[in-house]
PDB file of N, CA and C in Angstrom:
ATOM      1  N   MET A   1     -39.712 177.852 190.507  1.00  0.00           N
ATOM      2  CA  MET A   1     -40.275 178.221 188.973  1.00  0.00           C
ATOM      3  C   MET A   1     -41.321 177.844 189.157  1.00  0.00           C
ATOM      4  N   VAL A   2     -42.452 178.885 187.902  1.00  0.00           N
ATOM      5  CA  VAL A   2     -43.684 179.466 188.319  1.00  0.00           C
ATOM      6  C   VAL A   2     -44.559 178.094 187.810  1.00  0.00           C
ATOM      7  N   LYS A   3     -45.605 177.693 188.901  1.00  0.00           N
ATOM      8  CA  LYS A   3     -46.614 176.535 188.013  1.00  0.00           C
ATOM      9  C   LYS A   3     -47.692 176.651 187.428  1.00  0.00           C
ATOM     10  N   LYS A   4     -47.839 175.563 186.823  1.00  0.00           N
ATOM     11  CA  LYS A   4     -48.675 176.461 185.426  1.00  0.00           C
ATOM     12  C   LYS A   4     -49.772 175.223 184.959  1.00  0.00           C
ATOM     13  N   ASP A   5     -50.698 175.984 184.515  1.00  0.00           N
ATOM     14  CA  ASP A   5     -52.244 174.876 184.097  1.00  0.00           C
ATOM     15  C   ASP A   5     -52.021 173.703 183.407  1.00  0.00           C
ATOM     16  N   LYS A   6     -51.553 172.480 183.768  1.00  0.00           N
ATOM     17  CA  LYS A   6     -51.273 171.246 182.966  1.00  0.00           C
ATOM     18  C   LYS A   6     -51.463 171.211 181.150  1.00  0.00           C
ATOM     19  N   SER A   7     -53.217 171.440 182.293  1.00  0.00           N
ATOM     20  CA  SER A   7     -53.997 171.232 180.559  1.00  0.00           C
ATOM     21  C   SER A   7     -53.593 172.314 179.809  1.00  0.00           C
ATOM     22  N   LYS A   8     -53.029 172.990 179.298  1.00  0.00           N
ATOM     23  CA  LYS A   8     -52.761 174.232 178.299  1.00  0.00           C
ATOM     24  C   LYS A   8     -51.197 173.508 177.525  1.00  0.00           C
ATOM     25  N   PHE A   9     -51.299 174.468 176.128  1.00  0.00           N
ATOM     26  CA  PHE A   9     -50.126 174.133 176.578  1.00  0.00           C
ATOM     27  C   PHE A   9     -49.649 172.589 175.123  1.00  0.00           C
ATOM     28  N   HIS A  10     -50.793 171.184 174.854  1.00  0.00           N
ATOM     29  CA  HIS A  10     -50.692 170.318 174.417  1.00  0.00           C
ATOM     30  C   HIS A  10     -50.831 171.028 172.874  1.00  0.00           C
ATOM     31  N   SER A  11     -49.833 169.884 172.094  1.00  0.00           N
ATOM     32  CA  SER A  11     -49.835 169.762 171.041  1.00  0.00           C
ATOM     33  C   SER A  11     -51.182 168.946 170.365  1.00  0.00           C
ATOM     34  N   VAL A  12     -51.741 167.997 171.237  1.00  0.00           N
ATOM     35  CA  VAL A  12     -53.217 167.331 169.938  1.00  0.00           C
ATOM     36  C   VAL A  12     -54.368 167.792 171.420  1.00  0.00           C
ATOM     37  N   PRO A  13     -54.992 167.264 171.129  1.00  0.00           N
ATOM     38  CA  PRO A  13     -56.590 168.439 171.410  1.00  0.00           C
ATOM     39  C   PRO A  13     -56.174 167.202 172.977  1.00  0.00           C
ATOM     40  N   ALA A  14     -57.282 167.665 174.817  1.00  0.00           N
ATOM     41  CA  ALA A  14     -56.899 167.924 175.762  1.00  0.00           C
ATOM     42  C   ALA A  14     -57.619 166.703 175.928  1.00  0.00           C
ATOM     43  N   ASP A  15     -58.731 166.098 175.024  1.00  0.00           N
ATOM     44  CA  ASP A  15     -59.967 164.519 175.297  1.00  0.00           C
ATOM     45  C   ASP A  15     -58.882 163.603 175.035  1.00  0.00           C
ATOM     46  N   ARG A  16     -57.933 163.708 174.931  1.00  0.00           N
ATOM     47  CA  ARG A  16     -56.925 162.279 174.151  1.00  0.00           C
ATOM     48  C   ARG A  16     -56.510 161.723 175.547  1.00  0.00           C
ATOM     49  N   LYS A  17     -55.620 160.840 175.790  1.00  0.00           N
ATOM     50  CA  LYS A  17     -54.811 160.251 177.010  1.00  0.00           C
ATOM     51  C   LYS A  17     -53.542 160.318 176.361  1.00  0.00           C
ATOM     52  N   MET A  18     -52.912 160.842 175.446  1.00  0.00           N
ATOM     53  CA  MET A  18     -51.976 160.654 175.770  1.00  0.00           C
ATOM     54  C   MET A  18     -51.307 162.558 174.748  1.00  0.00           C
ATOM     55  N   THR A  19     -49.896 162.869 174.654  1.00  0.00           N
ATOM     56  CA  THR A  19     -49.599 163.989 174.223  1.00  0.00           C
ATOM     57  C   THR A  19     -48.595 163.865 173.700  1.00  0.00           C
ATOM     58  N   CYS A  20     -47.611 164.695 172.678  1.00  0.00           N
ATOM     59  CA  CYS A  20     -46.649 164.957 171.949  1.00  0.00           C
ATOM     60  C   CYS A  20     -45.965 165.372 172.430  1.00  0.00           C
ATOM     61  N   CYS A  21     -46.509 166.774 172.751  1.00  0.00           N
ATOM     62  CA  CYS A  21     -45.284 167.438 173.398  1.00  0.00           C
ATOM     63  C   CYS A  21     -46.301 168.721 173.916  1.00  0.00           C
ATOM     64  N   LYS A  22     -45.394 169.172 175.315  1.00  0.00           N
ATOM     65  CA  LYS A  22     -45.945 170.125 176.349  1.00  0.00           C
ATOM     66  C   LYS A  22     -44.705 170.882 176.162  1.00  0.00           C
ATOM     67  N   VAL A  23     -45.289 172.517 176.721  1.00  0.00           N
ATOM     68  CA  VAL A  23     -44.226 173.534 177.732  1.00  0.00           C
ATOM     69  C   VAL A  23     -44.029 172.850 179.268  1.00  0.00           C
ATOM     70  N   GLU A  24     -43.183 172.280 178.955  1.00  0.00           N
ATOM     71  CA  GLU A  24     -42.538 172.289 180.589  1.00  0.00           C
ATOM     72  C   GLU A  24     -41.847 172.958 181.250  1.00  0.00           C
ATOM     73  N   SER A  25     -41.511 173.616 180.892  1.00  0.00           N
ATOM     74  CA  SER A  25     -40.499 175.089 181.746  1.00  0.00           C
ATOM     75  C   SER A  25     -39.862 175.721 180.672  1.00  0.00           C
ATOM     76  N   ILE A  26     -39.492 176.549 181.275  1.00  0.00           N
ATOM     77  CA  ILE A  26     -38.945 177.688 180.372  1.00  0.00           C
ATOM     78  C   ILE A  26     -36.981 177.697 181.196  1.00  0.00           C
ATOM     79  N   ILE A  27     -35.970 177.574 180.408  1.00  0.00           N
ATOM     80  CA  ILE A  27     -35.039 177.534 180.588  1.00  0.00           C
ATOM     81  C   ILE A  27     -33.946 178.477 180.818  1.00  0.00           C
ATOM     82  N   SER A  28     -32.350 178.557 181.311  1.00  0.00           N
ATOM     83  CA  SER A  28     -31.982 179.977 180.645  1.00  0.00           C
ATOM     84  C   SER A  28     -30.678 178.664 180.115  1.00  0.00           C
ATOM     85  N   VAL A  29     -29.673 179.625 179.233  1.00  0.00           N
ATOM     86  CA  VAL A  29     -27.828 179.316 178.749  1.00  0.00           C
ATOM     87  C   VAL A  29     -27.655 179.814 179.984  1.00  0.00           C
ATOM     88  N   ASP A  30     -26.466 179.528 179.908  1.00  0.00           N
ATOM     89  CA  ASP A  30     -25.483 180.517 180.809  1.00  0.00           C
ATOM     90  C   ASP A  30     -24.134 180.898 180.102  1.00  0.00           C
ATOM     91  N   ASP A  31     -23.802 181.330 180.904  1.00  0.00           N
ATOM     92  CA  ASP A  31     -22.217 181.669 179.534  1.00  0.00           C
ATOM     93  C   ASP A  31     -21.186 180.758 178.790  1.00  0.00           C
ATOM     94  N   ARG A  32     -21.650 179.864 179.407  1.00  0.00           N
ATOM     95  CA  ARG A  32     -20.769 178.312 178.891  1.00  0.00           C
ATOM     96  C   ARG A  32     -21.333 177.489 178.047  1.00  0.00           C
ATOM     97  N   GLY A  33     -22.642 177.918 177.998  1.00  0.00           N
ATOM     98  CA  GLY A  33     -23.890 177.161 176.907  1.00  0.00           C
ATOM     99  C   GLY A  33     -24.654 176.018 177.716  1.00  0.00           C
ATOM    100  N   GLN A  34     -24.347 175.680 179.304  1.00  0.00           N
ATOM    101  CA  GLN A  34     -24.799 175.118 180.214  1.00  0.00           C
ATOM    102  C   GLN A  34     -26.134 175.101 180.678  1.00  0.00           C
ATOM    103  N   THR A  35     -27.301 174.677 180.730  1.00  0.00           N
ATOM    104  CA  THR A  35     -28.409 174.827 180.866  1.00  0.00           C
ATOM    105  C   THR A  35     -28.803 173.332 182.609  1.00  0.00           C
ATOM    106  N   VAL A  36     -29.396 173.624 183.275  1.00  0.00           N
ATOM    107  CA  VAL A  36     -30.282 172.680 184.147  1.00  0.00           C
ATOM    108  C   VAL A  36     -31.175 172.896 183.585  1.00  0.00           C
ATOM    109  N   LEU A  37     -31.909 170.875 183.783  1.00  0.00           N
ATOM    110  CA  LEU A  37     -33.015 170.607 183.408  1.00  0.00           C
ATOM    111  C   LEU A  37     -33.951 170.704 185.079  1.00  0.00           C
ATOM    112  N   PRO A  38     -35.216 171.452 185.428  1.00  0.00           N
ATOM    113  CA  PRO A  38     -35.986 171.603 186.697  1.00  0.00           C
ATOM    114  C   PRO A  38     -35.736 170.126 187.482  1.00  0.00           C
ATOM    115  N   LYS A  39     -35.500 169.975 188.383  1.00  0.00           N
ATOM    116  CA  LYS A  39     -35.462 168.909 188.766  1.00  0.00           C
ATOM    117  C   LYS A  39     -37.078 167.713 188.512  1.00  0.00           C
ATOM    118  N   GLU A  40     -38.484 168.976 188.888  1.00  0.00           N
ATOM    119  CA  GLU A  40     -39.813 168.184 188.493  1.00  0.00           C
ATOM    120  C   GLU A  40     -39.125 167.588 187.178  1.00  0.00           C
ATOM    121  N   ILE A  41     -38.797 167.757 185.805  1.00  0.00           N
ATOM    122  CA  ILE A  41     -38.824 167.471 185.215  1.00  0.00           C
ATOM    123  C   ILE A  41     -37.618 165.868 184.955  1.00  0.00           C
ATOM    124  N   ARG A  42     -36.594 166.250 185.635  1.00  0.00           N
ATOM    125  CA  ARG A  42     -35.646 165.354 186.231  1.00  0.00           C
ATOM    126  C   ARG A  42     -36.391 164.259 186.407  1.00  0.00           C
ATOM    127  N   GLU A  43     -37.121 164.067 187.528  1.00  0.00           N
ATOM    128  CA  GLU A  43     -37.874 163.042 188.348  1.00  0.00           C
ATOM    129  C   GLU A  43     -38.949 162.351 187.177  1.00  0.00           C
ATOM    130  N   LYS A  44     -39.242 162.955 186.399  1.00  0.00           N
ATOM    131  CA  LYS A  44     -40.462 162.501 186.102  1.00  0.00           C
ATOM    132  C   LYS A  44     -39.768 162.110 184.756  1.00  0.00           C
ATOM    133  N   ALA A  45     -39.283 162.038 184.655  1.00  0.00           N
ATOM    134  CA  ALA A  45     -38.245 161.587 183.270  1.00  0.00           C
ATOM    135  C   ALA A  45     -36.777 160.834 183.040  1.00  0.00           C
ATOM    136  N   ASN A  46     -37.328 160.442 184.219  1.00  0.00           N
ATOM    137  CA  ASN A  46     -36.465 159.436 185.386  1.00  0.00           C
ATOM    138  C   ASN A  46     -34.405 159.900 184.656  1.00  0.00           C
ATOM    139  N   ILE A  47     -33.859 160.916 184.841  1.00  0.00           N
ATOM    140  CA  ILE A  47     -33.202 161.384 184.382  1.00  0.00           C
ATOM    141  C   ILE A  47     -32.098 160.679 185.882  1.00  0.00           C
ATOM    142  N   ARG A  48     -31.153 160.337 185.998  1.00  0.00           N
ATOM    143  CA  ARG A  48     -29.893 160.653 186.653  1.00  0.00           C
ATOM    144  C   ARG A  48     -28.054 161.316 185.682  1.00  0.00           C
ATOM    145  N   ALA A  49     -28.015 161.542 186.999  1.00  0.00           N
ATOM    146  CA  ALA A  49     -26.309 161.846 186.866  1.00  0.00           C
ATOM    147  C   ALA A  49     -25.838 160.974 186.000  1.00  0.00           C
ATOM    148  N   GLY A  50     -25.586 161.478 185.296  1.00  0.00           N
ATOM    149  CA  GLY A  50     -24.193 160.275 184.218  1.00  0.00           C
ATOM    150  C   GLY A  50     -25.309 159.822 182.690  1.00  0.00           C
ATOM    151  N   ASP A  51     -26.475 160.289 183.308  1.00  0.00           N
ATOM    152  CA  ASP A  51     -27.282 159.952 182.154  1.00  0.00           C
ATOM    153  C   ASP A  51     -26.888 160.255 180.102  1.00  0.00           C
ATOM    154  N   LYS A  52     -27.135 159.610 179.465  1.00  0.00           N
ATOM    155  CA  LYS A  52     -26.771 160.029 178.680  1.00  0.00           C
ATOM    156  C   LYS A  52     -27.716 160.840 177.474  1.00  0.00           C
ATOM    157  N   LEU A  53     -28.112 161.516 177.364  1.00  0.00           N
ATOM    158  CA  LEU A  53     -29.084 161.955 176.078  1.00  0.00           C
ATOM    159  C   LEU A  53     -28.830 162.230 175.045  1.00  0.00           C
ATOM    160  N   THR A  54     -29.660 161.478 173.506  1.00  0.00           N
ATOM    161  CA  THR A  54     -29.621 162.447 172.383  1.00  0.00           C
ATOM    162  C   THR A  54     -30.115 163.573 172.377  1.00  0.00           C
ATOM    163  N   VAL A  55     -29.289 164.423 171.698  1.00  0.00           N
ATOM    164  CA  VAL A  55     -29.632 166.003 170.640  1.00  0.00           C
ATOM    165  C   VAL A  55     -30.263 166.240 169.715  1.00  0.00           C
ATOM    166  N   MET A  56     -31.420 166.140 169.661  1.00  0.00           N
ATOM    167  CA  MET A  56     -32.650 165.873 168.416  1.00  0.00           C
ATOM    168  C   MET A  56     -33.085 167.286 167.881  1.00  0.00           C
ATOM    169  N   SER A  57     -32.927 167.163 166.487  1.00  0.00           N
ATOM    170  CA  SER A  57     -33.299 168.670 165.896  1.00  0.00           C
ATOM    171  C   SER A  57     -33.860 168.548 164.733  1.00  0.00           C
ATOM    172  N   TRP A  58     -34.623 169.347 165.139  1.00  0.00           N
ATOM    173  CA  TRP A  58     -35.314 170.128 163.621  1.00  0.00           C
ATOM    174  C   TRP A  58     -35.197 171.069 162.900  1.00  0.00           C
ATOM    175  N   GLU A  59     -34.678 171.552 161.744  1.00  0.00           N
ATOM    176  CA  GLU A  59     -34.334 172.714 161.263  1.00  0.00           C
ATOM    177  C   GLU A  59     -35.535 173.020 160.011  1.00  0.00           C
ATOM    178  N   LYS A  60     -36.157 174.578 159.939  1.00  0.00           N
ATOM    179  CA  LYS A  60     -36.828 175.594 159.162  1.00  0.00           C
ATOM    180  C   LYS A  60     -36.492 176.402 158.423  1.00  0.00           C
ATOM    181  N   ASP A  61     -36.402 176.221 157.574  1.00  0.00           N
ATOM    182  CA  ASP A  61     -35.380 177.567 156.537  1.00  0.00           C
ATOM    183  C   ASP A  61     -34.142 177.423 157.468  1.00  0.00           C
ATOM    184  N   GLY A  62     -33.451 176.442 156.439  1.00  0.00           N
ATOM    185  CA  GLY A  62     -32.241 176.121 157.524  1.00  0.00           C
ATOM    186  C   GLY A  62     -31.220 176.409 158.808  1.00  0.00           C
ATOM    187  N   LYS A  63     -32.228 176.455 159.596  1.00  0.00           N
ATOM    188  CA  LYS A  63     -32.280 176.744 161.152  1.00  0.00           C
ATOM    189  C   LYS A  63     -33.051 176.065 161.822  1.00  0.00           C
ATOM    190  N   ILE A  64     -31.800 175.854 162.694  1.00  0.00           N
ATOM    191  CA  ILE A  64     -32.867 174.593 164.242  1.00  0.00           C
ATOM    192  C   ILE A  64     -34.071 175.788 164.556  1.00  0.00           C
ATOM    193  N   CYS A  65     -35.099 174.562 164.565  1.00  0.00           N
ATOM    194  CA  CYS A  65     -35.754 175.451 165.403  1.00  0.00           C
ATOM    195  C   CYS A  65     -36.579 175.030 166.526  1.00  0.00           C
ATOM    196  N   CYS A  66     -36.124 173.474 166.670  1.00  0.00           N
ATOM    197  CA  CYS A  66     -36.683 172.762 167.506  1.00  0.00           C
ATOM    198  C   CYS A  66     -36.014 171.802 168.382  1.00  0.00           C
ATOM    199  N   ILE A  67     -35.198 171.781 169.567  1.00  0.00           N
ATOM    200  CA  ILE A  67     -34.414 171.221 170.419  1.00  0.00           C
ATOM    201  C   ILE A  67     -35.065 169.928 171.247  1.00  0.00           C
ATOM    202  N   SER A  68     -34.409 168.725 170.998  1.00  0.00           N
ATOM    203  CA  SER A  68     -34.925 167.850 171.647  1.00  0.00           C
ATOM    204  C   SER A  68     -34.554 166.621 172.493  1.00  0.00           C
ATOM    205  N   LEU A  69     -34.624 166.792 173.821  1.00  0.00           N
ATOM    206  CA  LEU A  69     -33.975 165.053 174.304  1.00  0.00           C
ATOM    207  C   LEU A  69     -33.892 164.284 174.655  1.00  0.00           C
ATOM    208  N   ILE A  70     -33.719 163.465 173.987  1.00  0.00           N
ATOM    209  CA  ILE A  70     -34.248 162.037 174.504  1.00  0.00           C
ATOM    210  C   ILE A  70     -33.634 160.771 174.875  1.00  0.00           C
ATOM    211  N   LYS A  71     -33.302 160.230 176.317  1.00  0.00           N
ATOM    212  CA  LYS A  71     -32.819 159.034 176.337  1.00  0.00           C
ATOM    213  C   LYS A  71     -32.018 158.430 175.505  1.00  0.00           C
ATOM    214  N   VAL A  72     -30.411 158.165 175.370  1.00  0.00           N
ATOM    215  CA  VAL A  72     -29.943 157.315 174.640  1.00  0.00           C
ATOM    216  C   VAL A  72     -30.782 155.984 174.902  1.00  0.00           C
ATOM    217  N   GLU A  73     -30.913 155.197 176.426  1.00  0.00           N
ATOM    218  CA  GLU A  73     -31.733 153.938 175.586  1.00  0.00           C
ATOM    219  C   GLU A  73     -33.038 154.347 174.944  1.00  0.00           C
ATOM    220  N   GLU A  74     -34.113 154.662 174.767  1.00  0.00           N
ATOM    221  CA  GLU A  74     -35.641 154.625 174.163  1.00  0.00           C
ATOM    222  C   GLU A  74     -34.927 155.184 172.957  1.00  0.00           C
ATOM    223  N   PHE A  75     -34.202 156.213 173.169  1.00  0.00           N
ATOM    224  CA  PHE A  75     -33.691 156.595 171.014  1.00  0.00           C
ATOM    225  C   PHE A  75     -33.249 155.119 170.718  1.00  0.00           C
ATOM    226  N   THR A  76     -31.832 154.773 171.331  1.00  0.00           N
ATOM    227  CA  THR A  76     -31.885 153.462 170.536  1.00  0.00           C
ATOM    228  C   THR A  76     -32.428 152.127 170.211  1.00  0.00           C
ATOM    229  N   GLU A  77     -33.595 152.071 171.160  1.00  0.00           N
ATOM    230  CA  GLU A  77     -35.390 151.525 170.810  1.00  0.00           C
ATOM    231  C   GLU A  77     -36.399 151.647 169.203  1.00  0.00           C
ATOM    232  N   MET A  78     -36.146 153.025 169.049  1.00  0.00           N
ATOM    233  CA  MET A  78     -37.178 153.553 168.238  1.00  0.00           C
ATOM    234  C   MET A  78     -35.560 153.286 167.255  1.00  0.00           C
ATOM    235  N   VAL A  79     -34.336 153.832 167.138  1.00  0.00           N
ATOM    236  CA  VAL A  79     -33.955 153.248 166.318  1.00  0.00           C
ATOM    237  C   VAL A  79     -34.691 151.502 165.977  1.00  0.00           C
ATOM    238  N   LYS A  80     -34.387 149.947 166.671  1.00  0.00           N
ATOM    239  CA  LYS A  80     -34.204 149.148 166.307  1.00  0.00           C
ATOM    240  C   LYS A  80     -35.596 149.152 165.639  1.00  0.00           C
ATOM    241  N   ASP A  81     -36.372 149.832 166.874  1.00  0.00           N
ATOM    242  CA  ASP A  81     -37.625 149.174 166.219  1.00  0.00           C
ATOM    243  C   ASP A  81     -37.838 149.988 164.537  1.00  0.00           C
ATOM    244  N   LEU A  82     -37.222 151.350 164.357  1.00  0.00           N
ATOM    245  CA  LEU A  82     -37.707 151.668 162.783  1.00  0.00           C
ATOM    246  C   LEU A  82     -36.566 150.338 162.096  1.00  0.00           C
ATOM    247  N   LEU A  83     -35.213 150.195 162.186  1.00  0.00           N
ATOM    248  CA  LEU A  83     -34.098 149.940 161.607  1.00  0.00           C
ATOM    249  C   LEU A  83     -34.473 148.392 161.498  1.00  0.00           C
ATOM    250  N   GLY A  84     -34.870 147.571 162.263  1.00  0.00           N
ATOM    251  CA  GLY A  84     -35.074 146.093 162.814  1.00  0.00           C
ATOM    252  C   GLY A  84     -35.326 145.312 161.118  1.00  0.00           C
ATOM    253  N   PRO A  85     -37.012 146.108 161.169  1.00  0.00           N
ATOM    254  CA  PRO A  85     -37.574 145.540 159.907  1.00  0.00           C
ATOM    255  C   PRO A  85     -36.787 145.515 158.628  1.00  0.00           C
ATOM    256  N   MET A  86     -36.570 146.707 158.223  1.00  0.00           N
ATOM    257  CA  MET A  86     -36.347 146.319 157.225  1.00  0.00           C
ATOM    258  C   MET A  86     -34.783 145.942 156.950  1.00  0.00           C
ATOM    259  N   MET A  87     -33.968 145.998 157.889  1.00  0.00           N
ATOM    260  CA  MET A  87     -32.521 144.808 157.792  1.00  0.00           C
ATOM    261  C   MET A  87     -33.084 143.429 157.595  1.00  0.00           C
ATOM    262  N   LYS A  88     -33.786 142.999 158.473  1.00  0.00           N
ATOM    263  CA  LYS A  88     -34.156 141.731 158.174  1.00  0.00           C
ATOM    264  C   LYS A  88     -34.774 141.480 156.903  1.00  0.00           C
ATOM    265  N   GLU A  89     -35.614 142.094 156.270  1.00  0.00           N
ATOM    266  CA  GLU A  89     -35.978 142.420 154.558  1.00  0.00           C
ATOM    267  C   GLU A  89     -34.865 142.481 153.591  1.00  0.00           C
ATOM    268  N   MET A  90     -33.536 143.027 154.059  1.00  0.00           N
ATOM    269  CA  MET A  90     -32.127 143.270 153.331  1.00  0.00           C
ATOM    270  C   MET A  90     -31.881 141.625 153.578  1.00  0.00           C
ATOM    271  N   PHE A  91     -31.717 140.954 154.882  1.00  0.00           N
ATOM    272  CA  PHE A  91     -30.896 140.164 154.695  1.00  0.00           C
ATOM    273  C   PHE A  91     -31.534 138.802 153.986  1.00  0.00           C
ATOM    274  N   LYS A  92     -32.404 138.752 153.981  1.00  0.00           N
ATOM    275  CA  LYS A  92     -33.513 137.763 153.134  1.00  0.00           C
ATOM    276  C   LYS A  92     -33.288 137.216 152.121  1.00  0.00           C
ATOM    277  N   LYS A  93     -33.048 138.264 151.194  1.00  0.00           N
ATOM    278  CA  LYS A  93     -32.653 137.566 150.022  1.00  0.00           C
ATOM    279  C   LYS A  93     -31.177 137.718 149.291  1.00  0.00           C
TER     280      LYS A  93
END
């Protein structure tokens, strides 16, 4: 894998402490549609064999333009945080 300057490719100004997304690596898809997440990424994200990942996609003009992977545990928490207050409000009535 080619080493890159990690200060580049941020989606927000570099002077902010947290970034939304950045280019981590470029991967290939094989004949069977499989890819390999680089070891550095797996370690950084604490992804282990057998972990479940949610595949998220964004569409532009009816075509998928972006694909993102989120650990199922993290995704579940995001959904709970989003829907929890709405569900409480619904059942109050």
